[in-house]
Amino acid sequence: MSNKLSAFELDEMNATDLEAKLREAKEELFNLRFQAATGQLESHGRLRTVKKDIARIYTVVRERELGIRSTPGASTKEEASA
């Protein structure tokens, strides 16, 4: 998985892609926590990065629900109707 997701990368994704990315991140977090519990985790920083990625995804999803952030391709539709 990529090191860190940027807000710009998340802006370019549609809802389906965000769901898939969230699912991957949650699965990775589970695996990292399991490794930490068994003493096999080598990179503790990765645990923190994945948590922040999950929070970033949830933020983008919520902002889209509230209309703060637009979904990809929605800006052209809004401009046409205005």
Protein backbone atom coordinates (compact mmCIF):
# COMPACT_ATOMS: atom_id res chain seq x y z
CA MET A 1 0.00 0.00 0.00
CA SER A 2 1.12 3.57 -0.57
CA ASN A 3 2.92 5.39 2.21
CA LYS A 4 0.51 8.26 2.72
CA LEU A 5 -2.68 9.41 1.06
CA SER A 6 -2.91 13.11 0.31
CA ALA A 7 -6.15 15.05 0.41
CA PHE A 8 -5.65 15.85 -3.28
CA GLU A 9 -5.51 12.13 -4.14
CA LEU A 10 -8.71 11.55 -2.16
CA ASP A 11 -10.42 14.48 -3.91
CA GLU A 12 -9.87 12.76 -7.25
CA MET A 13 -11.56 9.51 -6.13
CA ASN A 14 -15.24 8.72 -6.46
CA ALA A 15 -17.28 7.19 -3.63
CA THR A 16 -16.61 3.61 -4.74
CA ASP A 17 -12.86 4.16 -4.83
CA LEU A 18 -12.96 5.78 -1.39
CA GLU A 19 -14.84 2.79 0.02
CA ALA A 20 -12.27 0.42 -1.44
CA LYS A 21 -9.37 2.51 -0.10
CA LEU A 22 -11.03 2.64 3.33
CA ARG A 23 -11.51 -1.12 3.34
CA GLU A 24 -7.84 -1.65 2.42
CA ALA A 25 -6.66 0.75 5.10
CA LYS A 26 -8.80 -0.87 7.79
CA GLU A 27 -7.52 -4.30 6.80
CA GLU A 28 -3.93 -3.06 6.96
CA LEU A 29 -4.58 -1.47 10.35
CA PHE A 30 -5.94 -4.78 11.64
CA ASN A 31 -2.85 -6.60 10.39
CA LEU A 32 -0.52 -4.00 11.88
CA ARG A 33 -2.28 -4.18 15.25
CA PHE A 34 -2.03 -7.97 15.15
CA GLN A 35 1.70 -7.74 14.43
CA ALA A 36 2.13 -5.24 17.27
CA ALA A 37 0.33 -7.54 19.69
CA THR A 38 2.53 -10.49 18.75
CA GLY A 39 5.74 -8.47 18.80
CA GLN A 40 6.39 -8.79 15.07
CA LEU A 41 5.78 -5.14 14.11
CA GLU A 42 8.90 -3.49 12.76
CA SER A 43 7.52 -0.10 11.72
CA HIS A 44 5.43 1.50 14.45
CA GLY A 45 5.22 4.70 12.41
CA ARG A 46 3.22 2.86 9.77
CA LEU A 47 0.50 2.19 12.35
CA ARG A 48 0.11 5.92 12.94
CA THR A 49 0.16 6.71 9.21
CA VAL A 50 -2.60 4.20 8.46
CA LYS A 51 -4.77 5.61 11.25
CA LYS A 52 -4.36 9.10 9.82
CA ASP A 53 -5.18 7.84 6.32
CA ILE A 54 -8.42 6.33 7.63
CA ALA A 55 -9.32 9.61 9.36
CA ARG A 56 -8.52 11.53 6.16
CA ILE A 57 -10.85 9.27 4.14
CA TYR A 58 -13.66 9.65 6.68
CA THR A 59 -13.20 13.44 6.58
CA VAL A 60 -13.48 13.59 2.79
CA VAL A 61 -16.61 11.39 2.84
CA ARG A 62 -18.25 13.53 5.54
CA GLU A 63 -17.37 16.81 3.84
CA ARG A 64 -18.96 15.53 0.64
CA GLU A 65 -22.12 14.61 2.57
CA LEU A 66 -22.27 18.14 3.98
CA GLY A 67 -21.56 19.75 0.64
CA ILE A 68 -18.27 21.28 1.79
CA ARG A 69 -16.20 19.27 -0.66
CA SER A 70 -17.41 18.47 -4.16
CA THR A 71 -17.32 15.04 -5.73
CA PRO A 72 -15.15 14.54 -8.83
CA GLY A 73 -16.90 15.81 -11.95
CA ALA A 74 -19.63 17.60 -9.99
CA SER A 75 -18.16 21.07 -10.51
CA THR A 76 -18.89 21.01 -14.26
CA LYS A 77 -22.54 20.12 -13.63
CA GLU A 78 -22.92 22.93 -11.09
CA GLU A 79 -21.34 25.49 -13.41
CA ALA A 80 -23.62 24.45 -16.28
CA SER A 81 -26.79 24.89 -14.20
CA ALA A 82 -25.73 28.27 -12.77
